[in-house]
Structures are given as structure tokens and as C-alpha cells.
Amino acid sequence: MYETTRSTYALAAALLLPTLAAPAIGHAADSAPSPIAQTNAAPAVMAKAIPTLPPAKADDYKDPDLWARIRSGYAIPDINNSLVEKDVQLFTARPDALVRTSTRASLYLYHVVQELEKRGMPTELALLPVIESGFNPQALSNKDAAGIWQFVPGTGRDFNLQQNMFKDERRGVLASTDAALSYLQRLYTMFGDWQLALAAYNWGEGNVQKAIQKNRSLGKPTDFESLADSMPAETRNYVPKLQAVKNIIANPAQYGISLPNIDNQPYFTTVDKTSDIDLAVAAQLAEMSVDEFKALNPQFKKPVIAGDSQILLPKENAEKFHLNLAQWGHALSTWTTHKITGAKESIASLASKFNTTPEVIRQANNIPPQMRLKAGSTILVPKTSASADNDITENIVENAQIALEADRGDSKRKGRPLTGMQRFKASAANAMAEIKSRVAHKSSRENGRKHR
């Protein structure tokens, strides 16, 4: 079968090292048993593992169109009800939106299909991000679910998706796809049914288990459509919505849809880096705009790519990247970190110390107006001559945190303290982020809920 290609070019000074193997994504599912696995569920709930599709071979896919490859691997039983018809009408009423989603998907879809086939999973699961996020890696729900697969922070951590000051792997296509497919496989093993697995992906395995047990106690069937009435509206519509997308992709002409062509070949190649590099510099070396670079590397949150990371580039841009890197005569990174030791270190004083402006420090560290840094915070600052050759350590990448508090007065206010309402507004964002993270993590562990 097809493999995501990796560059084989030598890199100047061994700063960025390509490899020959397919991308290894070290993000296996958490070894701790899932909430449902810890219960004494009846055998009918804890279904035995059921064989999935056999792994495919490259020779099976000679069609140059990736959509045809997806259609050939459909394997989830169809449903046909009024909800499916309604969703088909909603999608076909906005063909422009479906085309935009398909255009975004063209960057990631080959990789997703490839990974599904490696695991012998139905290829229509590659369409799940259409209804999760519109294939937008920057999508963020009101429950803090992020990325094309929409993981909340807690479940992301359960599947080893790194979330720190520098990156959020819930947004990165490699790690999040590996995590999502591992989660879906686990759910399928639990329930022995892809429709129930999808419902659990949306609603949580614990909730689906309870619904099955309730129907069984009443002598009712326990398939998806028999359980639908006991599900919240979002989950009840979830599988029909995927079915609607599946139907449209199966025969777009029938619905008056013209899908953008997506080549049945890898879109990107991976490059392993061994030195810090500014995001803008990486984009420049690859001869891409920053927005184009971010579309393939949305997990990076800061202007510098630090720590153990891969970057993704289209093949032709990877070639340009290597050629330009070999001739690059400047520093690759202009950022380092600084730890706040006390209240005397204001943003203004830090700007003066590192020869920059308060606005640059606030923007690089996402510090809102009328907020200041608490002692112990680690922030990003421009490099000085003393730190010019130093990379940010892996320990800092993994553990650095920023803590904020209301700034109770500055020169513009002539020393006047903030009012109670101003203090409340200034600290709300920081407090809410902490609460949401704790609640999401608690929810994922108690109910097996992934998001929402």
C-alpha cells in the first residue's frame, strides 16, 4: 500500500534530519483500562473482537482519484431514515461549503485513508472529520474540543497527545489521526458494531453501555437505531450525518455535487528536526506562506518550533526547503525562554531587558491586556547574544507554564487600582481555561466521553 513519503536529502550541519521509513507516530492508546473495561458488563455489551477488513495492498488502488479509493473500502452497514434524508438535503443545499471542506481535506485525507487501510478499518471513517470539524485543524468547540478529530484535553492526554505551551497535538494530523483511529478501534472491540462505536465516540462508551443495559432489561434490541431514542439529539443525528456524507461521496453527481479532485498519492512528506527553528523561518525556507505552513503544522502554538517535533511539507516544498537550508547563513531560531522570578519583572521591564516591545512579548505569549505574569511563569522572549546558540530544552518544552493575574495598575492608569468588575474580566480567561481543562479531564475519565 502507499506510504507517506519521507525526504532523503542531506541537511546542512545535520540540523534537520530526514528518515526513510514511514512516519512513526508514537502515540498509542493509554495502557490503563478504559472506564467501560473496568465494569462487570454483560458479555453482550463487552463484545468480543470482531475481525475488520484485511489490510489492503498498493496494487489494489490503481485509480488516480482518492475519492474512488475511499468508496471501494466502505464497510459500515447503511442506515436509511428521515434523519439521513434531512442531512443529505442540508449538505446539498450548500455545495460550496462541502467543496471548501473537501479542499481543506485534500491536505490530510490521503494520510487518513492510508492509516485506516493499515488497520483494516472501513474507509468511510475518513469522512468523519467532515462532520466533526469540516477538516479544519483549528476548529475549537465550546467544550474545548480541538482539531479535525475534536479531542477534549482529557481524552487527548489519555491517548498521549502532547498539550503544552509550545504545541497541541490534538491539532496535528499525524498524532491526532493515530489517536482517533486507536480510540475507534477500541470502541469497535467493545461493542462489535461500528454504528455503536461511532455513537460512543460522540457520546462516550459509558453512556452507550448504560443505554444497552437499559434496553436489554426491557427486552428491546440493542442496535444503534433501537437505542437512538435514548440518546441526546446530537448523538442520535451523528451516525445519520456520517451516512449522509457517505451517500454524497458515493455518488456526487446524483446530488449535483462536483467534488474537487484529490490525487491518490501522498500530499506531504515529514522532516524530523534536531534544532529549534522559527516557524516563519521554516516557512520561508520551504517557500511557503506562513498560513500554508500552519495548515500542515497546526499543532505549533508559538513562533518557534522547539523540542522533539516533526514538520510536514509538500514534497516539492521539502526539496526547496533543503536547498535553501544548505545556503542559509543566519540563525534558525530567534527565541528562547525566561522564567519570571518576582513581581519586579513587569512586561515593560522584560521588553527593555530583551530589546523588544511589550506588544511583542504579549503577542508571543498570548498575554491579554491588563494582565501580568505571576512568579514561576516561563515565557518566550527574543534571544540575546548570550543565548544565541542555545536551544530550548525538552524539559522546558514539556513543563513550562504561564500563570497570569490582573494587573492592578500601570502608568496609563496613574496608579489607580482596577475596579472589581475590571479585575473579574481580566482574570476570567485564565480561570475559565483552568476550570474547563479540569472538568473535561474528569468527564473523560468518568464517562469515557470524548468531547461535547
Protein backbone atom coordinates (compact mmCIF):
# COMPACT_ATOMS: atom_id res chain seq x y z
CA MET A 1 0.00 0.00 0.00
CA TYR A 2 1.02 3.61 -0.28
CA GLU A 3 3.33 5.08 2.33
CA THR A 4 3.67 8.72 3.38
CA THR A 5 6.99 9.62 1.79
CA ARG A 6 9.94 10.95 3.70
CA SER A 7 12.68 13.11 2.31
CA THR A 8 16.11 11.64 1.77
CA TYR A 9 18.05 14.82 1.30
CA ALA A 10 21.07 15.64 3.42
CA LEU A 11 20.62 18.70 5.61
CA ALA A 12 23.21 21.32 6.32
CA ALA A 13 25.11 20.87 9.56
CA ALA A 14 22.78 17.97 10.44
CA LEU A 15 20.28 20.44 11.85
CA LEU A 16 17.24 18.74 10.31
CA LEU A 17 17.40 15.02 9.66
CA PRO A 18 15.04 13.20 7.26
CA THR A 19 14.45 9.47 7.55
CA LEU A 20 13.48 6.74 5.12
CA ALA A 21 10.74 4.91 6.98
CA ALA A 22 7.06 5.83 7.04
CA PRO A 23 6.23 8.28 9.84
CA ALA A 24 6.31 6.60 13.20
CA ILE A 25 3.66 8.09 15.42
CA GLY A 26 4.46 7.19 18.99
CA HIS A 27 1.04 7.90 20.42
CA ALA A 28 -0.51 4.55 21.28
CA ALA A 29 -3.63 4.36 23.41
CA ASP A 30 -3.20 4.72 27.15
CA SER A 31 -2.39 1.37 28.74
CA ALA A 32 -4.81 1.95 31.60
CA PRO A 33 -8.11 0.12 31.13
CA SER A 34 -10.96 2.25 29.85
CA PRO A 35 -13.93 3.11 32.08
CA ILE A 36 -16.09 0.52 30.35
CA ALA A 37 -13.43 -2.16 30.61
CA GLN A 38 -13.37 -1.68 34.38
CA THR A 39 -17.03 -2.57 34.76
CA ASN A 40 -18.58 -6.01 35.04
CA ALA A 41 -20.59 -5.59 31.88
CA ALA A 42 -22.58 -8.47 30.43
CA PRO A 43 -20.93 -10.38 27.57
CA ALA A 44 -23.36 -8.87 25.07
CA VAL A 45 -22.12 -5.39 25.98
CA MET A 46 -18.46 -6.29 26.12
CA ALA A 47 -18.45 -7.79 22.63
CA LYS A 48 -15.52 -9.92 21.61
CA ALA A 49 -13.17 -8.53 19.00
CA ILE A 50 -14.68 -8.95 15.54
CA PRO A 51 -12.40 -9.18 12.50
CA THR A 52 -12.17 -5.99 10.47
CA LEU A 53 -11.23 -5.60 6.83
CA PRO A 54 -7.97 -7.27 5.75
CA PRO A 55 -5.11 -4.82 5.23
CA ALA A 56 -5.07 -3.54 1.67
CA LYS A 57 -2.23 -3.72 -0.83
CA ALA A 58 -0.97 -0.89 -3.02
CA ASP A 59 -1.84 -2.81 -6.19
CA ASP A 60 -5.49 -2.74 -5.16
CA TYR A 61 -5.61 1.01 -5.83
CA LYS A 62 -4.73 1.99 -9.36
CA ASP A 63 -7.43 4.65 -9.62
CA PRO A 64 -5.80 8.09 -9.54
CA ASP A 65 -8.77 9.52 -7.63
CA LEU A 66 -8.66 9.24 -3.83
CA TRP A 67 -12.46 9.51 -3.62
CA ALA A 68 -12.75 6.25 -5.59
CA ARG A 69 -10.32 4.59 -3.21
CA ILE A 70 -12.48 5.65 -0.26
CA ARG A 71 -15.67 4.35 -1.90
CA SER A 72 -14.05 0.97 -2.53
CA GLY A 73 -13.46 0.49 1.20
CA TYR A 74 -16.98 1.29 2.50
CA ALA A 75 -17.83 -1.41 5.05
CA ILE A 76 -20.18 0.03 7.70
CA PRO A 77 -23.79 -1.14 7.22
CA ASP A 78 -26.00 1.58 5.75
CA ILE A 79 -28.93 3.15 7.54
CA ASN A 80 -31.80 4.80 5.72
CA ASN A 81 -34.18 7.00 7.67
CA SER A 82 -35.59 10.51 7.71
CA LEU A 83 -32.56 11.90 9.55
CA VAL A 84 -30.26 10.75 6.76
CA GLU A 85 -32.53 12.35 4.15
CA LYS A 86 -32.63 15.59 6.14
CA ASP A 87 -28.83 15.71 6.43
CA VAL A 88 -28.37 14.99 2.73
CA GLN A 89 -30.63 17.95 1.98
CA LEU A 90 -28.67 20.18 4.35
CA PHE A 91 -25.32 19.26 2.76
CA THR A 92 -26.55 19.53 -0.82
CA ALA A 93 -28.20 22.88 -0.12
CA ARG A 94 -24.69 24.26 0.48
CA PRO A 95 -22.49 22.62 -2.15
CA ASP A 96 -19.95 25.43 -1.79
CA ALA A 97 -19.42 24.52 1.86
CA LEU A 98 -18.85 20.86 1.01
CA VAL A 99 -16.38 21.85 -1.70
CA ARG A 100 -14.46 24.07 0.77
CA THR A 101 -14.38 21.21 3.26
CA SER A 102 -13.11 18.86 0.54
CA THR A 103 -10.40 21.35 -0.40
CA ARG A 104 -9.21 21.50 3.22
CA ALA A 105 -9.40 17.71 3.41
CA SER A 106 -7.12 17.34 0.38
CA LEU A 107 -4.11 18.09 2.60
CA TYR A 108 -4.83 15.31 5.10
CA LEU A 109 -7.18 12.79 3.50
CA TYR A 110 -4.61 10.53 1.84
CA HIS A 111 -2.83 10.05 5.15
CA VAL A 112 -6.09 9.24 6.96
CA VAL A 113 -7.14 6.69 4.32
CA GLN A 114 -3.71 5.10 4.39
CA GLU A 115 -3.81 4.71 8.16
CA LEU A 116 -7.33 3.22 8.05
CA GLU A 117 -6.24 0.63 5.50
CA LYS A 118 -3.19 -0.29 7.56
CA ARG A 119 -5.55 -1.17 10.41
CA GLY A 120 -8.15 -2.87 8.21
CA MET A 121 -10.81 -0.31 9.15
CA PRO A 122 -13.73 0.91 6.97
CA THR A 123 -12.59 3.78 4.80
CA GLU A 124 -15.76 5.84 5.26
CA LEU A 125 -14.32 6.66 8.69
CA ALA A 126 -12.01 9.01 6.76
CA LEU A 127 -15.12 11.17 6.26
CA LEU A 128 -15.76 11.54 9.99
CA PRO A 129 -13.82 14.84 10.25
CA VAL A 130 -16.30 16.31 7.75
CA ILE A 131 -18.96 16.26 10.46
CA GLU A 132 -16.57 16.74 13.37
CA SER A 133 -14.67 19.80 12.20
CA GLY A 134 -15.11 20.36 8.48
CA PHE A 135 -11.48 19.16 8.26
CA ASN A 136 -10.39 22.40 9.93
CA PRO A 137 -7.47 21.67 12.31
CA GLN A 138 -8.08 25.00 14.05
CA ALA A 139 -11.68 24.06 14.91
CA LEU A 140 -12.42 24.53 18.62
CA SER A 141 -15.75 23.63 20.19
CA ASN A 142 -17.34 25.33 23.17
CA LYS A 143 -16.24 22.30 25.19
CA ASP A 144 -12.58 22.90 24.21
CA ALA A 145 -12.53 20.01 21.73
CA ALA A 146 -9.80 20.73 19.17
CA GLY A 147 -8.52 19.60 15.81
CA ILE A 148 -10.03 17.68 12.91
CA TRP A 149 -10.97 14.78 15.23
CA GLN A 150 -12.19 17.05 18.06
CA PHE A 151 -10.46 15.72 21.18
CA VAL A 152 -11.07 17.40 24.53
CA PRO A 153 -7.92 17.90 26.64
CA GLY A 154 -8.55 14.97 28.98
CA THR A 155 -9.12 12.35 26.30
CA GLY A 156 -6.21 13.78 24.33
CA ARG A 157 -3.96 13.13 27.32
CA ASP A 158 -5.42 9.61 27.65
CA PHE A 159 -4.16 8.95 24.12
CA ASN A 160 -0.76 10.61 24.70
CA LEU A 161 -1.47 13.72 22.65
CA GLN A 162 1.01 16.27 23.96
CA GLN A 163 -0.51 19.54 25.11
CA ASN A 164 1.94 22.09 26.40
CA MET A 165 2.90 25.71 25.97
CA PHE A 166 4.57 25.04 22.61
CA LYS A 167 2.26 22.60 20.85
CA ASP A 168 -1.11 20.90 20.96
CA GLU A 169 -1.02 17.55 19.18
CA ARG A 170 -4.81 17.38 19.13
CA ARG A 171 -4.46 19.66 16.11
CA GLY A 172 -1.59 17.87 14.34
CA VAL A 173 -2.70 15.44 11.63
CA LEU A 174 -0.26 12.62 12.40
CA ALA A 175 -0.71 12.25 16.15
CA SER A 176 -4.42 13.06 16.27
CA THR A 177 -5.27 10.62 13.46
CA ASP A 178 -3.34 7.87 15.20
CA ALA A 179 -5.18 8.62 18.45
CA ALA A 180 -8.62 8.84 16.83
CA LEU A 181 -8.23 5.54 14.98
CA SER A 182 -6.93 3.82 18.11
CA TYR A 183 -9.94 5.11 20.01
CA LEU A 184 -12.37 3.99 17.31
CA GLN A 185 -10.77 0.55 17.17
CA ARG A 186 -11.09 0.22 20.92
CA LEU A 187 -14.77 1.19 20.77
CA TYR A 188 -15.44 -1.28 17.96
CA THR A 189 -13.82 -4.05 20.00
CA MET A 190 -16.04 -3.11 22.94
CA PHE A 191 -19.34 -3.08 21.08
CA GLY A 192 -18.74 -5.22 17.99
CA ASP A 193 -20.67 -2.72 15.88
CA TRP A 194 -19.35 0.32 14.01
CA GLN A 195 -22.54 2.34 14.45
CA LEU A 196 -22.41 1.86 18.22
CA ALA A 197 -18.68 2.61 18.16
CA LEU A 198 -19.41 5.91 16.41
CA ALA A 199 -22.16 6.73 18.91
CA ALA A 200 -19.68 6.07 21.72
CA TYR A 201 -17.07 8.25 20.02
CA ASN A 202 -19.56 11.10 20.20
CA TRP A 203 -21.40 10.35 23.45
CA GLY A 204 -18.94 8.24 25.46
CA GLU A 205 -18.66 4.49 25.88
CA GLY A 206 -20.08 4.59 29.39
CA ASN A 207 -23.27 6.24 28.19
CA VAL A 208 -23.72 3.79 25.32
CA GLN A 209 -23.16 0.89 27.71
CA LYS A 210 -25.89 2.19 30.03
CA ALA A 211 -28.30 2.59 27.11
CA ILE A 212 -27.61 -1.00 26.01
CA GLN A 213 -28.17 -2.32 29.52
CA LYS A 214 -31.46 -0.41 29.81
CA ASN A 215 -32.79 -1.77 26.52
CA ARG A 216 -31.73 -5.28 27.40
CA SER A 217 -33.52 -5.10 30.74
CA LEU A 218 -36.68 -4.14 28.84
CA GLY A 219 -36.24 -6.94 26.33
CA LYS A 220 -35.58 -4.49 23.49
CA PRO A 221 -32.95 -4.69 20.70
CA THR A 222 -29.61 -3.03 21.33
CA ASP A 223 -28.58 -1.92 17.84
CA PHE A 224 -27.97 1.76 17.11
CA GLU A 225 -31.41 2.60 15.73
CA SER A 226 -33.11 0.82 18.63
CA LEU A 227 -31.05 2.87 21.09
CA ALA A 228 -31.39 6.18 19.26
CA ASP A 229 -34.42 7.40 21.23
CA SER A 230 -32.44 7.20 24.48
CA MET A 231 -29.53 9.24 23.07
CA PRO A 232 -29.17 13.02 23.11
CA ALA A 233 -30.14 14.71 19.85
CA GLU A 234 -26.53 15.26 18.78
CA THR A 235 -25.63 11.58 19.05
CA ARG A 236 -28.94 10.48 17.54
CA ASN A 237 -28.03 12.58 14.48
CA TYR A 238 -24.34 11.66 14.45
CA VAL A 239 -24.41 8.36 12.55
CA PRO A 240 -27.11 9.56 10.10
CA LYS A 241 -24.99 12.62 9.37
CA LEU A 242 -21.99 10.45 8.51
CA GLN A 243 -24.29 8.28 6.38
CA ALA A 244 -25.42 11.40 4.50
CA VAL A 245 -21.82 12.38 3.73
CA LYS A 246 -21.08 8.78 2.74
CA ASN A 247 -24.04 8.78 0.32
CA ILE A 248 -22.95 12.04 -1.30
CA ILE A 249 -19.33 10.91 -1.73
CA ALA A 250 -20.57 7.60 -3.17
CA ASN A 251 -22.44 9.35 -5.99
CA PRO A 252 -21.82 13.12 -6.00
CA ALA A 253 -23.32 13.62 -9.47
CA GLN A 254 -26.66 12.28 -8.22
CA TYR A 255 -26.78 15.18 -5.76
CA GLY A 256 -25.44 17.83 -8.10
CA ILE A 257 -22.09 17.98 -6.33
CA SER A 258 -18.76 18.38 -8.12
CA LEU A 259 -16.02 17.28 -5.74
CA PRO A 260 -12.50 18.71 -6.10
CA ASN A 261 -10.10 16.11 -7.43
CA ILE A 262 -7.79 14.67 -4.76
CA ASP A 263 -4.85 12.72 -6.11
CA ASN A 264 -4.39 9.20 -4.81
CA GLN A 265 -0.86 9.90 -3.62
CA PRO A 266 0.80 11.43 -0.56
CA TYR A 267 0.39 15.17 -0.22
CA PHE A 268 3.11 15.77 2.35
CA THR A 269 6.44 14.43 3.47
CA THR A 270 7.80 14.51 7.03
CA VAL A 271 11.05 16.05 8.24
CA ASP A 272 12.50 15.42 11.71
CA LYS A 273 14.21 18.44 13.20
CA THR A 274 17.06 18.43 15.69
CA SER A 275 17.36 22.17 16.26
CA ASP A 276 14.94 24.92 17.19
CA ILE A 277 13.62 26.79 14.16
CA ASP A 278 11.31 29.78 13.93
CA LEU A 279 8.01 28.96 12.30
CA ALA A 280 8.43 31.90 9.94
CA VAL A 281 11.94 30.76 9.00
CA ALA A 282 10.73 27.22 8.28
CA ALA A 283 8.00 28.62 6.02
CA GLN A 284 10.50 30.89 4.27
CA LEU A 285 12.94 28.05 3.63
CA ALA A 286 10.10 25.96 2.21
CA GLU A 287 8.98 28.91 0.05
CA MET A 288 5.51 28.78 1.58
CA SER A 289 3.40 31.44 3.22
CA VAL A 290 3.08 31.19 7.00
CA ASP A 291 -0.61 30.32 6.59
CA GLU A 292 0.23 27.50 4.16
CA PHE A 293 2.85 26.17 6.57
CA LYS A 294 0.45 26.34 9.50
CA ALA A 295 -2.21 24.42 7.56
CA LEU A 296 0.08 21.37 7.58
CA ASN A 297 1.58 22.08 11.01
CA PRO A 298 -1.30 23.45 13.08
CA GLN A 299 -0.07 21.90 16.32
CA PHE A 300 2.61 24.54 16.85
CA LYS A 301 1.39 27.33 19.13
CA LYS A 302 4.42 29.58 19.32
CA PRO A 303 6.58 31.44 16.78
CA VAL A 304 9.38 28.92 17.42
CA ILE A 305 9.20 25.14 16.84
CA ALA A 306 11.06 23.69 19.81
CA GLY A 307 11.64 20.24 21.22
CA ASP A 308 11.19 16.84 19.62
CA SER A 309 8.98 17.65 16.65
CA GLN A 310 8.37 16.80 13.02
CA ILE A 311 7.32 19.27 10.36
CA LEU A 312 5.19 18.41 7.35
CA LEU A 313 5.82 19.86 3.90
CA PRO A 314 4.54 19.15 0.40
CA LYS A 315 7.17 17.15 -1.47
CA GLU A 316 8.13 19.96 -3.85
CA ASN A 317 8.43 22.42 -0.96
CA ALA A 318 10.53 19.95 1.03
CA GLU A 319 13.03 19.93 -1.83
CA LYS A 320 13.14 23.73 -1.80
CA PHE A 321 13.49 23.66 1.99
CA HIS A 322 16.62 21.50 1.86
CA LEU A 323 18.23 23.55 -0.90
CA ASN A 324 17.54 26.83 0.88
CA LEU A 325 18.67 25.45 4.25
CA ALA A 326 22.03 24.48 2.80
CA GLN A 327 22.59 28.12 1.83
CA TRP A 328 21.05 29.69 4.94
CA GLY A 329 23.58 31.92 6.64
CA HIS A 330 21.50 33.15 9.58
CA ALA A 331 20.24 31.86 12.89
CA LEU A 332 17.38 29.37 12.57
CA SER A 333 15.77 30.49 15.82
CA THR A 334 15.49 33.94 17.39
CA TRP A 335 13.51 32.89 20.50
CA THR A 336 14.37 31.48 23.90
CA THR A 337 12.62 31.27 27.28
CA HIS A 338 12.81 33.21 30.51
CA LYS A 339 11.40 32.30 33.91
CA ILE A 340 9.73 35.04 35.95
CA THR A 341 11.29 35.29 39.41
CA GLY A 342 9.22 38.01 41.04
CA ALA A 343 6.77 40.87 40.80
CA LYS A 344 9.52 43.30 39.78
CA GLU A 345 9.71 41.67 36.37
CA SER A 346 6.99 43.51 34.54
CA ILE A 347 6.29 43.08 30.86
CA ALA A 348 7.71 46.55 30.29
CA SER A 349 10.95 45.74 32.11
CA LEU A 350 11.26 42.43 30.27
CA ALA A 351 10.81 44.20 26.94
CA SER A 352 13.64 46.55 27.83
CA LYS A 353 15.86 43.70 29.01
CA PHE A 354 15.40 41.71 25.79
CA ASN A 355 15.48 44.66 23.40
CA THR A 356 11.90 44.35 22.22
CA THR A 357 8.48 45.86 22.92
CA PRO A 358 5.77 44.89 25.41
CA GLU A 359 3.46 44.19 22.47
CA VAL A 360 5.87 41.57 21.06
CA ILE A 361 6.07 39.78 24.42
CA ARG A 362 2.30 39.88 24.90
CA GLN A 363 1.64 38.56 21.41
CA ALA A 364 4.23 35.76 21.58
CA ASN A 365 2.84 34.58 24.92
CA ASN A 366 -0.87 35.32 24.42
CA ILE A 367 -0.98 37.66 27.39
CA PRO A 368 -4.21 39.71 27.36
CA PRO A 369 -4.25 43.42 28.16
CA GLN A 370 -4.47 44.31 31.85
CA MET A 371 -2.87 41.01 32.81
CA ARG A 372 0.59 40.46 34.21
CA LEU A 373 2.82 37.45 34.78
CA LYS A 374 2.99 35.67 38.11
CA ALA A 375 6.27 34.45 39.55
CA GLY A 376 7.22 31.00 38.26
CA SER A 377 5.85 31.61 34.78
CA THR A 378 8.04 30.69 31.80
CA ILE A 379 7.67 32.93 28.78
CA LEU A 380 9.05 33.24 25.29
CA VAL A 381 11.48 36.12 24.73
CA PRO A 382 13.84 37.15 21.91
CA LYS A 383 17.32 35.68 22.08
CA THR A 384 20.24 37.81 23.19
CA SER A 385 23.88 37.29 22.29
CA ALA A 386 24.30 35.22 25.45
CA SER A 387 21.61 32.74 24.41
CA ALA A 388 22.13 32.85 20.65
CA ASP A 389 23.40 29.26 20.36
CA ASN A 390 21.13 27.66 22.94
CA ASP A 391 18.03 25.62 22.11
CA ILE A 392 15.04 25.43 24.43
CA THR A 393 15.43 22.25 26.49
CA GLU A 394 12.96 19.39 26.24
CA ASN A 395 12.22 19.74 29.95
CA ILE A 396 11.12 23.34 29.45
CA VAL A 397 9.06 22.43 26.38
CA GLU A 398 7.18 19.75 28.33
CA ASN A 399 6.73 21.59 31.63
CA ALA A 400 6.73 25.35 31.02
CA GLN A 401 3.58 27.11 32.18
CA ILE A 402 2.28 30.65 32.26
CA ALA A 403 0.23 31.93 35.18
CA LEU A 404 -1.46 35.32 34.93
CA GLU A 405 -3.12 37.73 37.32
CA ALA A 406 -4.87 41.03 36.99
CA ASP A 407 -2.55 43.98 36.60
CA ARG A 408 -3.74 46.29 39.37
CA GLY A 409 -2.25 49.42 37.95
CA ASP A 410 0.07 50.80 35.29
CA SER A 411 1.36 54.12 34.09
CA LYS A 412 -1.69 54.79 31.96
CA ARG A 413 -3.96 54.49 34.98
CA LYS A 414 -1.62 56.63 37.10
CA GLY A 415 -1.54 54.04 39.84
CA ARG A 416 -5.29 53.72 40.25
CA PRO A 417 -6.38 50.14 41.07
CA LEU A 418 -8.74 48.26 38.80
CA THR A 419 -12.38 48.13 39.80
CA GLY A 420 -13.85 44.84 40.94
CA MET A 421 -15.51 44.28 37.56
CA GLN A 422 -12.28 45.03 35.70
CA ARG A 423 -10.36 42.58 37.86
CA PHE A 424 -13.04 39.98 37.26
CA LYS A 425 -12.92 40.41 33.48
CA ALA A 426 -9.14 40.42 33.40
CA SER A 427 -8.81 37.13 35.29
CA ALA A 428 -11.82 35.33 33.81
CA ALA A 429 -9.99 33.90 30.80
CA ASN A 430 -7.21 32.40 32.89
CA ALA A 431 -9.59 30.94 35.49
CA MET A 432 -12.03 29.57 32.93
CA ALA A 433 -9.28 27.81 30.98
CA GLU A 434 -8.15 26.01 34.14
CA ILE A 435 -11.71 25.02 35.09
CA LYS A 436 -12.53 23.76 31.58
CA SER A 437 -9.38 21.66 31.48
CA ARG A 438 -10.15 20.03 34.84
CA VAL A 439 -13.80 19.41 34.04
CA ALA A 440 -13.03 17.96 30.61
CA HIS A 441 -10.39 15.63 32.05
CA LYS A 442 -12.72 14.49 34.85
CA SER A 443 -15.57 13.93 32.40
CA SER A 444 -13.48 11.83 30.04
CA ARG A 445 -12.33 9.56 32.84
CA GLU A 446 -15.75 9.12 34.48
CA ASN A 447 -17.91 8.67 31.39
CA GLY A 448 -15.48 7.87 28.63
CA ARG A 449 -16.74 10.99 26.87
CA LYS A 450 -14.51 12.24 24.12
CA HIS A 451 -15.98 15.65 23.57
CA ARG A 452 -19.04 17.90 23.89
